[in-house]
Amino acid sequence: MIAKPLTYDEHKAAEAAFRGYPPNPDWTGSAQEIYVRLCAAIAKRRATSLDPANERELEEVGR
């Protein structure tokens, strides 16, 4: 898969996802998909980092 630069609205969608802003209905389909996937990944990462079982693993890595 060859990486391509993001379009303007794809860039704005990624930025909005990272900042926690709502999606813009005027974005293209690809920008909407970027937003949804990034939000899902961010939510999963937050849920994983809040899991008490993972906290112990992080303590072991930090030693």
C-alpha atoms as a PDB file:
ATOM      1  CA  MET A   1       0.000   0.000   0.000  1.00  0.00           C
ATOM      2  CA  ILE A   2       1.453   3.314  -1.042  1.00  0.00           C
ATOM      3  CA  ALA A   3       0.956   6.210   1.355  1.00  0.00           C
ATOM      4  CA  LYS A   4      -0.575   9.344  -0.099  1.00  0.00           C
ATOM      5  CA  PRO A   5      -0.792  12.801   1.414  1.00  0.00           C
ATOM      6  CA  LEU A   6      -4.042  13.650   3.161  1.00  0.00           C
ATOM      7  CA  THR A   7      -6.472  15.990   1.472  1.00  0.00           C
ATOM      8  CA  TYR A   8      -7.488  19.174   3.256  1.00  0.00           C
ATOM      9  CA  ASP A   9     -10.670  17.696   4.703  1.00  0.00           C
ATOM     10  CA  GLU A  10      -8.931  14.422   5.653  1.00  0.00           C
ATOM     11  CA  HIS A  11      -6.371  16.461   7.561  1.00  0.00           C
ATOM     12  CA  LYS A  12      -9.148  18.430   9.285  1.00  0.00           C
ATOM     13  CA  ALA A  13     -10.951  15.175  10.157  1.00  0.00           C
ATOM     14  CA  ALA A  14      -7.812  13.708  11.723  1.00  0.00           C
ATOM     15  CA  GLU A  15      -7.187  16.884  13.683  1.00  0.00           C
ATOM     16  CA  ALA A  16     -10.789  16.951  14.920  1.00  0.00           C
ATOM     17  CA  ALA A  17     -10.580  13.326  16.044  1.00  0.00           C
ATOM     18  CA  PHE A  18      -7.412  13.928  18.054  1.00  0.00           C
ATOM     19  CA  ARG A  19      -8.810  17.102  19.621  1.00  0.00           C
ATOM     20  CA  GLY A  20     -12.167  15.522  20.436  1.00  0.00           C
ATOM     21  CA  TYR A  21     -14.152  17.841  18.177  1.00  0.00           C
ATOM     22  CA  PRO A  22     -17.384  16.697  16.494  1.00  0.00           C
ATOM     23  CA  PRO A  23     -17.331  15.569  12.856  1.00  0.00           C
ATOM     24  CA  ASN A  24     -18.209  17.949  10.052  1.00  0.00           C
ATOM     25  CA  PRO A  25     -21.008  16.601   7.826  1.00  0.00           C
ATOM     26  CA  ASP A  26     -19.483  18.445   4.853  1.00  0.00           C
ATOM     27  CA  TRP A  27     -16.337  16.263   4.832  1.00  0.00           C
ATOM     28  CA  THR A  28     -15.902  13.721   2.050  1.00  0.00           C
ATOM     29  CA  GLY A  29     -16.530  10.033   2.673  1.00  0.00           C
ATOM     30  CA  SER A  30     -12.823   9.333   3.067  1.00  0.00           C
ATOM     31  CA  ALA A  31     -12.487  12.110   5.646  1.00  0.00           C
ATOM     32  CA  GLN A  32     -15.511  10.763   7.544  1.00  0.00           C
ATOM     33  CA  GLU A  33     -13.903   7.307   7.561  1.00  0.00           C
ATOM     34  CA  ILE A  34     -10.615   8.695   8.881  1.00  0.00           C
ATOM     35  CA  TYR A  35     -12.507  10.479  11.652  1.00  0.00           C
ATOM     36  CA  VAL A  36     -14.487   7.374  12.668  1.00  0.00           C
ATOM     37  CA  ARG A  37     -11.457   5.071  12.639  1.00  0.00           C
ATOM     38  CA  LEU A  38      -9.276   7.471  14.602  1.00  0.00           C
ATOM     39  CA  CYS A  39     -12.002   8.055  17.193  1.00  0.00           C
ATOM     40  CA  ALA A  40     -12.427   4.292  17.590  1.00  0.00           C
ATOM     41  CA  ALA A  41      -8.679   3.764  18.000  1.00  0.00           C
ATOM     42  CA  ILE A  42      -8.413   6.596  20.524  1.00  0.00           C
ATOM     43  CA  ALA A  43     -11.377   5.249  22.518  1.00  0.00           C
ATOM     44  CA  LYS A  44      -9.890   1.742  22.512  1.00  0.00           C
ATOM     45  CA  ARG A  45      -6.545   3.055  23.685  1.00  0.00           C
ATOM     46  CA  ARG A  46      -8.175   5.019  26.516  1.00  0.00           C
ATOM     47  CA  ALA A  47     -10.208   1.980  27.592  1.00  0.00           C
ATOM     48  CA  THR A  48      -7.099  -0.201  27.562  1.00  0.00           C
ATOM     49  CA  SER A  49      -5.060   2.300  29.554  1.00  0.00           C
ATOM     50  CA  LEU A  50      -7.806   2.473  32.218  1.00  0.00           C
ATOM     51  CA  ASP A  51      -7.936  -1.307  32.669  1.00  0.00           C
ATOM     52  CA  PRO A  52      -6.438  -2.187  36.117  1.00  0.00           C
ATOM     53  CA  ALA A  53      -4.873  -5.362  34.683  1.00  0.00           C
ATOM     54  CA  ASN A  54      -2.831  -3.264  32.264  1.00  0.00           C
ATOM     55  CA  GLU A  55      -1.680  -0.990  35.071  1.00  0.00           C
ATOM     56  CA  ARG A  56       0.310  -3.855  36.600  1.00  0.00           C
ATOM     57  CA  GLU A  57       1.883  -4.624  33.229  1.00  0.00           C
ATOM     58  CA  LEU A  58       2.937  -0.992  32.884  1.00  0.00           C
ATOM     59  CA  GLU A  59       4.537  -1.067  36.337  1.00  0.00           C
ATOM     60  CA  GLU A  60       6.572  -4.130  35.343  1.00  0.00           C
ATOM     61  CA  VAL A  61       7.765  -2.442  32.153  1.00  0.00           C
ATOM     62  CA  GLY A  62       8.740   0.690  34.069  1.00  0.00           C
ATOM     63  CA  ARG A  63      11.135  -1.193  36.345  1.00  0.00           C
END
